Amino acid sequence: MEQPPPGCPPRPDLGRLHMSLGFVLWPTKFLDDCQATCGDFFTLRPQANRWVVITSDPATVKQVFTGDPELLHAGAGNVVLQPILGSRSVLLLDGPEHLRQRRLMLPSFHGERMKLYADVMRAAAERAIEQWPRGRRFDVLPSMQAITLEVILRAVFGVTEPERVRELSAPLRAMLDIVANRRRVLALALTTGRFGRFSPWARFVEARQRADELLRAEIEARRADSAERDDVLSLLLAARDEDGRALSDEELRDELMTLLVAGHETTATALAWTLERLARHPDALAAVEAEQRAGGTELLDATIKETLRLRPVVPAVVR
């Protein structure tokens, strides 16, 4: 179909390749340019058989987020993530299956339970900061990535031994580096199933397979461990739905991969941008530091939210 379905808003006068490259490589600028040309509603065609309606109108965005999930399917919208997350990820499910999976996962992330992980986060941050160079500039993103990966391994996977944390970090980083890099993601899309074992897709499949082996080994080890634990994996293993069913190993693998991929790069990027914003605004940094010394969090919370507004880590949400 060369033209969008009837009733769709206008589309920029761009070819499909231009749309795909622009959205993947320079999403913020590309979407801003489309908005400047077409307004708050416009249509894109990132794939041959797929038209997408984009809106930046706040009232409409709220309406979409609060709309009927029977009509607006988040899982179907995220299908592009299936090769990474797996078909049983909560992000790819809709309807009763999504509701079941979400109910099984939510208790692990209850507000009070998350406070238990504060010490894990603080210790990981302190270890990373001790390694920072003094008296010169340095790239803070790799440090934020190391912090978030360590927190995920300890709080989500329940890995406590430093040697095991290091053992898991390298192969998981290899996969995360692929899926977090826009140019590499584009290369994956262009080479899926092509060019044999030397293609970007083949390298991704190899990295994913190694990550899968590690995740399945952690699941198996935790099933055999009768000790009471409070990490997310242990809580998911103990969770039961209304019919008394537990999550299968495949479901556990997909949810662990989801928590790893969705929680790693987004958090690291947000932290890096927050530090960058504060470094460029010394008055704001001084105010946040003063609030922290006084035991407050309101200004820090506002600072993080303002950073996410100015430097969004996810360019678009799909329904």
Protein backbone atom coordinates (compact mmCIF):
# COMPACT_ATOMS: atom_id res chain seq x y z
CA MET A 1 0.00 0.00 0.00
CA GLU A 2 1.73 3.18 -1.21
CA GLN A 3 -0.74 5.55 0.48
CA PRO A 4 -1.77 5.52 4.16
CA PRO A 5 -5.23 4.22 5.07
CA PRO A 6 -8.09 6.74 4.73
CA GLY A 7 -8.43 9.12 7.65
CA CYS A 8 -4.75 9.16 8.61
CA PRO A 9 -3.11 12.54 9.28
CA PRO A 10 -0.61 14.00 6.78
CA ARG A 11 2.81 12.48 6.30
CA PRO A 12 6.17 14.12 5.58
CA ASP A 13 7.32 14.01 1.97
CA LEU A 14 10.02 11.44 2.64
CA GLY A 15 10.87 8.01 1.32
CA ARG A 16 10.53 4.92 3.50
CA LEU A 17 14.32 4.52 3.86
CA HIS A 18 14.65 8.15 4.96
CA MET A 19 11.89 7.59 7.53
CA SER A 20 13.51 4.44 8.89
CA LEU A 21 17.00 5.95 9.08
CA GLY A 22 15.75 9.17 10.64
CA PHE A 23 13.69 7.45 13.31
CA VAL A 24 16.38 4.92 14.29
CA LEU A 25 19.50 7.11 14.12
CA TRP A 26 18.26 10.59 15.06
CA PRO A 27 14.80 10.05 16.60
CA THR A 28 14.42 13.33 18.50
CA LYS A 29 15.48 15.60 15.64
CA PHE A 30 13.60 13.53 13.09
CA LEU A 31 10.32 13.62 15.04
CA ASP A 32 10.76 17.33 15.81
CA ASP A 33 11.24 18.03 12.09
CA CYS A 34 8.14 16.00 11.22
CA GLN A 35 6.12 17.88 13.83
CA ALA A 36 7.33 21.23 12.49
CA THR A 37 6.24 20.21 8.99
CA CYS A 38 2.99 18.34 9.68
CA GLY A 39 1.83 19.44 13.15
CA ASP A 40 1.07 17.39 16.26
CA PHE A 41 -0.35 14.47 14.23
CA PHE A 42 1.45 12.85 11.33
CA THR A 43 1.83 9.47 9.64
CA LEU A 44 5.04 7.53 9.00
CA ARG A 45 5.81 4.37 7.07
CA PRO A 46 8.90 2.84 8.68
CA GLN A 47 8.25 -0.59 7.12
CA ALA A 48 6.84 -1.69 3.78
CA ASN A 49 3.61 -3.08 5.25
CA ARG A 50 3.25 -0.82 8.27
CA TRP A 51 1.88 2.69 8.72
CA VAL A 52 2.28 4.46 12.06
CA VAL A 53 0.37 7.50 13.33
CA ILE A 54 2.49 9.73 15.58
CA THR A 55 1.14 12.32 18.01
CA SER A 56 2.82 14.70 20.44
CA ASP A 57 -0.40 16.33 21.59
CA PRO A 58 -0.43 15.94 25.42
CA ALA A 59 -4.20 15.46 25.69
CA THR A 60 -4.16 12.75 23.03
CA VAL A 61 -1.13 11.04 24.57
CA LYS A 62 -2.99 10.89 27.89
CA GLN A 63 -6.04 9.51 26.12
CA VAL A 64 -3.95 6.77 24.50
CA PHE A 65 -2.25 5.82 27.78
CA THR A 66 -5.57 5.61 29.63
CA GLY A 67 -7.52 4.05 26.75
CA ASP A 68 -9.14 0.64 26.60
CA PRO A 69 -6.37 -2.02 26.44
CA GLU A 70 -8.75 -4.20 24.45
CA LEU A 71 -8.48 -1.63 21.65
CA LEU A 72 -4.98 -0.24 22.17
CA HIS A 73 -2.54 -3.15 22.28
CA ALA A 74 0.87 -2.41 23.77
CA GLY A 75 2.08 -5.96 23.18
CA ALA A 76 1.32 -5.90 19.47
CA GLY A 77 3.03 -2.51 19.23
CA ASN A 78 6.21 -3.90 20.79
CA VAL A 79 6.49 -6.94 18.52
CA VAL A 80 9.77 -5.59 17.10
CA LEU A 81 11.34 -6.44 20.48
CA GLN A 82 10.47 -10.14 20.30
CA PRO A 83 13.87 -11.34 18.99
CA ILE A 84 15.47 -9.73 22.04
CA LEU A 85 12.96 -10.18 24.86
CA GLY A 86 11.15 -13.35 23.79
CA SER A 87 7.49 -14.02 23.04
CA ARG A 88 6.48 -14.39 26.72
CA SER A 89 7.73 -10.99 27.84
CA VAL A 90 5.09 -8.92 29.63
CA LEU A 91 5.87 -6.12 27.16
CA LEU A 92 4.75 -8.29 24.23
CA LEU A 93 1.57 -9.74 25.73
CA ASP A 94 -1.96 -8.35 25.54
CA GLY A 95 -5.29 -9.20 27.15
CA PRO A 96 -5.60 -11.89 29.86
CA GLU A 97 -2.05 -13.17 29.30
CA HIS A 98 -0.61 -9.71 29.94
CA LEU A 99 -2.78 -9.24 33.01
CA ARG A 100 -1.70 -12.61 34.46
CA GLN A 101 1.98 -11.90 33.88
CA ARG A 102 1.71 -8.40 35.29
CA ARG A 103 -0.04 -9.60 38.45
CA LEU A 104 2.69 -12.18 39.01
CA MET A 105 5.44 -9.57 38.60
CA LEU A 106 4.03 -6.53 40.41
CA PRO A 107 4.59 -7.71 44.02
CA SER A 108 8.33 -7.90 43.29
CA PHE A 109 8.35 -4.16 42.60
CA HIS A 110 6.11 -2.92 45.39
CA GLY A 111 7.28 0.41 46.79
CA GLU A 112 8.26 -0.92 50.20
CA ARG A 113 10.14 -3.84 48.67
CA MET A 114 12.08 -1.53 46.37
CA LYS A 115 13.38 0.32 49.42
CA LEU A 116 15.14 -2.90 50.44
CA TYR A 117 17.36 -2.53 47.38
CA ALA A 118 18.50 1.00 48.29
CA ASP A 119 21.63 -0.30 50.03
CA VAL A 120 22.50 -2.39 46.97
CA MET A 121 22.20 0.68 44.75
CA ARG A 122 24.18 2.88 47.12
CA ALA A 123 27.01 0.36 47.45
CA ALA A 124 27.25 -0.12 43.67
CA ALA A 125 27.36 3.65 43.15
CA GLU A 126 30.05 4.13 45.79
CA ARG A 127 32.23 1.40 44.26
CA ALA A 128 31.95 3.03 40.84
CA ILE A 129 32.64 6.54 42.13
CA GLU A 130 35.83 5.33 43.83
CA GLN A 131 37.15 4.50 40.34
CA TRP A 132 36.41 7.92 38.85
CA PRO A 133 39.48 9.94 37.77
CA ARG A 134 40.18 13.17 39.62
CA GLY A 135 41.00 16.51 38.06
CA ARG A 136 40.05 15.69 34.46
CA ARG A 137 36.99 15.17 32.31
CA PHE A 138 35.73 11.68 31.58
CA ASP A 139 32.78 9.95 29.93
CA VAL A 140 30.27 9.20 32.68
CA LEU A 141 27.94 6.90 30.69
CA PRO A 142 30.12 3.74 30.95
CA SER A 143 30.23 4.19 34.71
CA MET A 144 26.44 4.54 34.87
CA GLN A 145 26.10 1.40 32.74
CA ALA A 146 28.35 -0.52 35.13
CA ILE A 147 26.33 0.67 38.12
CA THR A 148 22.96 -0.26 36.65
CA LEU A 149 24.16 -3.68 35.47
CA GLU A 150 25.59 -4.48 38.90
CA VAL A 151 22.35 -3.41 40.60
CA ILE A 152 20.30 -5.60 38.23
CA LEU A 153 22.56 -8.59 38.81
CA ARG A 154 22.39 -8.20 42.59
CA ALA A 155 18.80 -7.01 43.16
CA VAL A 156 17.01 -8.77 40.28
CA PHE A 157 19.12 -11.89 39.69
CA GLY A 158 20.19 -12.24 43.32
CA VAL A 159 23.89 -12.62 42.51
CA THR A 160 25.88 -11.65 45.60
CA GLU A 161 29.39 -13.05 45.04
CA PRO A 162 31.66 -10.38 43.46
CA GLU A 163 33.38 -12.97 41.27
CA ARG A 164 30.04 -14.17 39.88
CA VAL A 165 28.95 -10.57 39.26
CA ARG A 166 32.09 -10.04 37.17
CA GLU A 167 31.63 -13.40 35.41
CA LEU A 168 28.09 -12.50 34.32
CA SER A 169 28.78 -8.86 33.48
CA ALA A 170 31.01 -9.30 30.42
CA PRO A 171 28.76 -11.57 28.28
CA LEU A 172 25.61 -9.67 29.27
CA ARG A 173 27.31 -6.39 28.40
CA ALA A 174 28.21 -7.81 24.99
CA MET A 175 24.53 -8.32 24.20
CA LEU A 176 23.38 -5.08 25.82
CA ASP A 177 25.93 -3.09 23.82
CA ILE A 178 24.34 -4.38 20.62
CA VAL A 179 20.70 -3.67 21.48
CA ALA A 180 21.45 -0.27 23.05
CA ASN A 181 23.28 1.13 20.03
CA ARG A 182 20.96 2.65 17.43
CA ARG A 183 23.30 2.04 14.52
CA ARG A 184 23.74 -1.59 15.54
CA VAL A 185 19.98 -2.00 15.87
CA LEU A 186 19.58 -0.64 12.35
CA ALA A 187 22.23 -3.09 11.12
CA LEU A 188 20.29 -5.90 12.80
CA ALA A 189 17.08 -4.88 11.06
CA LEU A 190 18.83 -4.77 7.69
CA THR A 191 20.63 -8.11 8.06
CA THR A 192 18.06 -10.29 9.85
CA GLY A 193 18.63 -13.83 8.64
CA ARG A 194 21.09 -12.68 5.96
CA PHE A 195 24.82 -12.80 5.17
CA GLY A 196 25.59 -15.88 7.23
CA ARG A 197 27.67 -16.03 10.36
CA PHE A 198 29.60 -12.81 9.69
CA SER A 199 26.57 -10.51 9.72
CA PRO A 200 25.56 -8.20 12.60
CA TRP A 201 22.49 -10.40 13.03
CA ALA A 202 24.64 -13.52 13.48
CA ARG A 203 26.77 -11.73 16.09
CA PHE A 204 23.63 -10.67 17.94
CA VAL A 205 22.21 -14.22 17.88
CA GLU A 206 25.49 -15.53 19.29
CA ALA A 207 25.50 -12.90 22.08
CA ARG A 208 21.84 -13.57 22.85
CA GLN A 209 22.45 -17.32 23.03
CA ARG A 210 25.27 -16.80 25.52
CA ALA A 211 23.05 -14.49 27.60
CA ASP A 212 20.25 -17.07 27.48
CA GLU A 213 22.59 -19.76 28.80
CA LEU A 214 23.53 -17.55 31.74
CA LEU A 215 19.92 -16.65 32.53
CA ARG A 216 18.77 -20.27 32.39
CA ALA A 217 21.68 -21.31 34.62
CA GLU A 218 20.65 -18.72 37.22
CA ILE A 219 17.03 -19.92 37.07
CA GLU A 220 18.10 -23.54 37.52
CA ALA A 221 20.43 -22.68 40.39
CA ARG A 222 17.74 -20.67 42.15
CA ARG A 223 15.18 -23.45 41.80
CA ALA A 224 17.63 -25.76 43.56
CA ASP A 225 18.31 -23.23 46.34
CA SER A 226 15.89 -23.64 49.24
CA ALA A 227 17.20 -20.62 51.16
CA GLU A 228 14.80 -17.73 51.67
CA ARG A 229 15.85 -14.78 49.51
CA ASP A 230 14.44 -11.37 48.64
CA ASP A 231 15.79 -10.82 45.11
CA VAL A 232 13.33 -10.42 42.24
CA LEU A 233 14.14 -13.79 40.63
CA SER A 234 13.40 -15.65 43.87
CA LEU A 235 10.11 -13.78 44.27
CA LEU A 236 9.12 -14.59 40.68
CA LEU A 237 9.92 -18.26 41.25
CA ALA A 238 7.61 -18.28 44.28
CA ALA A 239 4.78 -16.35 42.59
CA ARG A 240 1.53 -18.15 41.71
CA ASP A 241 -1.47 -17.00 39.70
CA GLU A 242 -5.13 -17.43 40.67
CA ASP A 243 -5.05 -21.03 39.43
CA GLY A 244 -1.92 -21.86 41.41
CA ARG A 245 0.32 -21.89 38.33
CA ALA A 246 3.92 -20.71 38.51
CA LEU A 247 5.91 -19.00 35.79
CA SER A 248 7.58 -21.48 33.43
CA ASP A 249 11.32 -21.40 32.79
CA GLU A 250 10.60 -19.82 29.40
CA GLU A 251 8.47 -17.10 30.98
CA LEU A 252 11.11 -16.49 33.64
CA ARG A 253 13.83 -16.21 31.00
CA ASP A 254 11.79 -13.68 29.00
CA GLU A 255 10.93 -11.59 32.06
CA LEU A 256 14.54 -11.56 33.25
CA MET A 257 15.65 -10.49 29.77
CA THR A 258 12.95 -7.80 29.81
CA LEU A 259 14.11 -6.44 33.17
CA LEU A 260 17.72 -6.55 31.99
CA VAL A 261 17.21 -4.82 28.64
CA ALA A 262 14.49 -2.37 29.68
CA GLY A 263 16.11 -1.45 32.98
CA HIS A 264 19.76 -1.20 32.03
CA GLU A 265 20.40 1.30 29.25
CA THR A 266 17.39 3.51 30.01
CA THR A 267 18.44 3.96 33.64
CA ALA A 268 22.12 4.44 32.81
CA THR A 269 21.32 7.05 30.16
CA ALA A 270 18.94 8.92 32.46
CA LEU A 271 21.56 8.99 35.23
CA ALA A 272 24.25 10.23 32.84
CA TRP A 273 22.03 13.02 31.51
CA THR A 274 21.06 14.03 35.05
CA LEU A 275 24.72 14.41 36.02
CA GLU A 276 25.39 16.33 32.81
CA ARG A 277 22.51 18.74 33.47
CA LEU A 278 23.60 19.32 37.07
CA ALA A 279 27.23 19.83 36.04
CA ARG A 280 26.11 22.59 33.67
CA HIS A 281 23.91 24.22 36.33
CA PRO A 282 26.05 24.62 39.48
CA ASP A 283 23.31 26.43 41.40
CA ALA A 284 20.92 23.52 40.90
CA LEU A 285 23.67 21.06 41.90
CA ALA A 286 24.37 23.00 45.09
CA ALA A 287 20.66 23.06 45.95
CA VAL A 288 20.32 19.28 45.43
CA GLU A 289 23.41 18.64 47.55
CA ALA A 290 22.06 20.86 50.35
CA GLU A 291 18.72 19.05 50.25
CA GLN A 292 20.46 15.67 50.44
CA ARG A 293 22.46 16.75 53.48
CA ALA A 294 19.18 17.78 55.12
CA GLY A 295 17.61 14.41 54.32
CA GLY A 296 15.14 15.67 51.71
CA THR A 297 14.31 14.23 48.29
CA GLU A 298 11.72 16.57 46.74
CA LEU A 299 14.18 18.67 44.72
CA LEU A 300 16.13 15.60 43.62
CA ASP A 301 12.91 13.98 42.42
CA ALA A 302 12.00 17.14 40.49
CA THR A 303 15.51 17.28 38.99
CA ILE A 304 15.27 13.72 37.70
CA LYS A 305 11.82 14.32 36.22
CA GLU A 306 12.95 17.53 34.54
CA THR A 307 15.95 15.71 33.06
CA LEU A 308 13.65 13.01 31.67
CA ARG A 309 11.51 15.76 30.14
CA LEU A 310 14.48 17.50 28.54
CA ARG A 311 16.41 14.35 27.61
CA PRO A 312 13.87 11.54 27.14
CA VAL A 313 15.53 8.12 27.01
CA VAL A 314 12.69 6.58 24.97
CA PRO A 315 11.71 8.54 21.84
CA ALA A 316 8.24 7.04 21.46
CA VAL A 317 5.79 4.61 23.04
CA VAL A 318 3.75 2.36 20.77
CA ARG A 319 0.15 1.17 20.92
